[in-house]
Amino acid sequence: MKSYGPYILPQIGSLREMTDLRVKDNPDGIAFFYIGNDGSIVTKTYRQFSDDVNAVGTYLYAHNFREGSHIALLGVNSYEGLVTFFAIANGGNVALPMDA
């Protein structure tokens, strides 16, 4: 039987680093899929996810949510909620998820 060495995992210190690593390694890979409002299956690549997170982060920054802000998220589990959570965390803020 052939012996394999240990699998070396990259050191990841934040959600931003994790997302950037996935975009670098496989930008067109499927990150998420979900059922859209019309019943079709919607897919999002790692690049699309990263772009969406950065867009929401830019919006938050433009509206004076600076590092250290506490931002409540009220809603059901969704792609948009996940994007918003990542944008809040990547901006150095605190996300407070609340169940609808």
Protein backbone atom coordinates (compact mmCIF):
# COMPACT_ATOMS: atom_id res chain seq x y z
CA MET A 1 0.00 0.00 0.00
CA LYS A 2 1.34 3.43 -0.96
CA SER A 3 1.93 5.88 1.87
CA TYR A 4 0.80 9.46 1.39
CA GLY A 5 2.14 12.44 3.29
CA PRO A 6 -0.09 14.70 5.34
CA TYR A 7 -2.36 17.10 3.54
CA ILE A 8 -1.16 20.64 4.26
CA LEU A 9 -4.01 23.08 4.77
CA PRO A 10 -3.49 26.81 4.25
CA GLN A 11 -3.66 29.02 7.31
CA ILE A 12 -6.84 31.10 7.15
CA GLY A 13 -7.34 33.92 9.62
CA SER A 14 -10.60 35.50 8.45
CA LEU A 15 -13.66 35.07 6.27
CA ARG A 16 -12.09 37.51 3.80
CA GLU A 17 -8.97 35.34 3.47
CA MET A 18 -11.13 32.24 2.99
CA THR A 19 -13.16 33.88 0.23
CA ASP A 20 -10.08 35.33 -1.48
CA LEU A 21 -8.40 31.91 -1.44
CA ARG A 22 -11.40 30.22 -3.07
CA VAL A 23 -11.64 32.96 -5.73
CA LYS A 24 -7.93 32.59 -6.47
CA ASP A 25 -8.03 28.77 -6.64
CA ASN A 26 -11.32 28.30 -8.49
CA PRO A 27 -13.07 31.56 -9.47
CA ASP A 28 -15.64 29.88 -11.71
CA GLY A 29 -16.42 27.02 -9.32
CA ILE A 30 -19.92 26.79 -7.90
CA ALA A 31 -19.97 28.28 -4.41
CA PHE A 32 -23.74 28.17 -3.84
CA PHE A 33 -26.92 27.08 -5.49
CA TYR A 34 -30.47 27.69 -4.37
CA ILE A 35 -34.02 27.77 -5.69
CA GLY A 36 -34.98 31.18 -7.06
CA ASN A 37 -38.33 32.93 -6.72
CA ASP A 38 -39.50 31.44 -10.03
CA GLY A 39 -38.57 27.89 -8.99
CA SER A 40 -35.40 27.71 -11.10
CA ILE A 41 -32.05 26.69 -9.67
CA VAL A 42 -29.73 29.68 -9.29
CA THR A 43 -25.96 29.12 -9.10
CA LYS A 44 -23.34 31.53 -7.81
CA THR A 45 -19.63 31.14 -8.45
CA TYR A 46 -16.93 32.08 -5.97
CA ARG A 47 -16.16 35.17 -8.05
CA GLN A 48 -19.82 36.24 -8.10
CA PHE A 49 -20.09 35.69 -4.35
CA SER A 50 -16.96 37.75 -3.71
CA ASP A 51 -18.21 40.53 -6.00
CA ASP A 52 -21.58 40.55 -4.21
CA VAL A 53 -19.91 40.70 -0.78
CA ASN A 54 -17.68 43.57 -1.91
CA ALA A 55 -20.66 45.47 -3.35
CA VAL A 56 -22.62 45.22 -0.09
CA GLY A 57 -19.49 46.12 1.88
CA THR A 58 -19.01 49.22 -0.26
CA TYR A 59 -22.65 50.19 0.34
CA LEU A 60 -22.25 49.79 4.11
CA TYR A 61 -19.04 51.83 4.13
CA ALA A 62 -20.66 54.59 2.05
CA HIS A 63 -23.46 54.75 4.64
CA ASN A 64 -21.02 55.27 7.55
CA PHE A 65 -20.94 51.73 8.92
CA ARG A 66 -17.29 51.82 9.91
CA GLU A 67 -15.18 49.21 11.66
CA GLY A 68 -16.69 48.26 15.01
CA SER A 69 -20.32 48.93 14.13
CA HIS A 70 -22.90 46.46 15.43
CA ILE A 71 -25.40 45.61 12.69
CA ALA A 72 -28.49 43.44 13.23
CA LEU A 73 -29.63 41.07 10.49
CA LEU A 74 -33.29 40.16 10.61
CA GLY A 75 -34.58 37.60 8.16
CA VAL A 76 -34.65 34.01 7.01
CA ASN A 77 -31.69 32.03 5.71
CA SER A 78 -30.91 33.19 2.18
CA TYR A 79 -28.07 33.88 -0.20
CA GLU A 80 -28.57 37.61 0.32
CA GLY A 81 -28.37 37.18 4.09
CA LEU A 82 -25.12 35.25 3.77
CA VAL A 83 -23.65 37.91 1.48
CA THR A 84 -24.63 40.61 3.96
CA PHE A 85 -23.15 38.65 6.89
CA PHE A 86 -19.83 38.27 5.07
CA ALA A 87 -19.83 41.97 4.09
CA ILE A 88 -20.41 43.02 7.69
CA ALA A 89 -17.69 40.73 9.04
CA ASN A 90 -15.20 41.62 6.29
CA GLY A 91 -15.65 45.30 7.13
CA GLY A 92 -14.55 44.70 10.72
CA ASN A 93 -18.07 45.06 12.05
CA VAL A 94 -20.15 42.82 14.28
CA ALA A 95 -23.10 40.99 12.72
CA LEU A 96 -26.03 40.20 15.01
CA PRO A 97 -28.15 37.58 13.22
CA MET A 98 -31.74 37.47 14.43
CA ASP A 99 -34.33 34.88 13.47
CA ALA A 100 -37.43 36.26 11.79
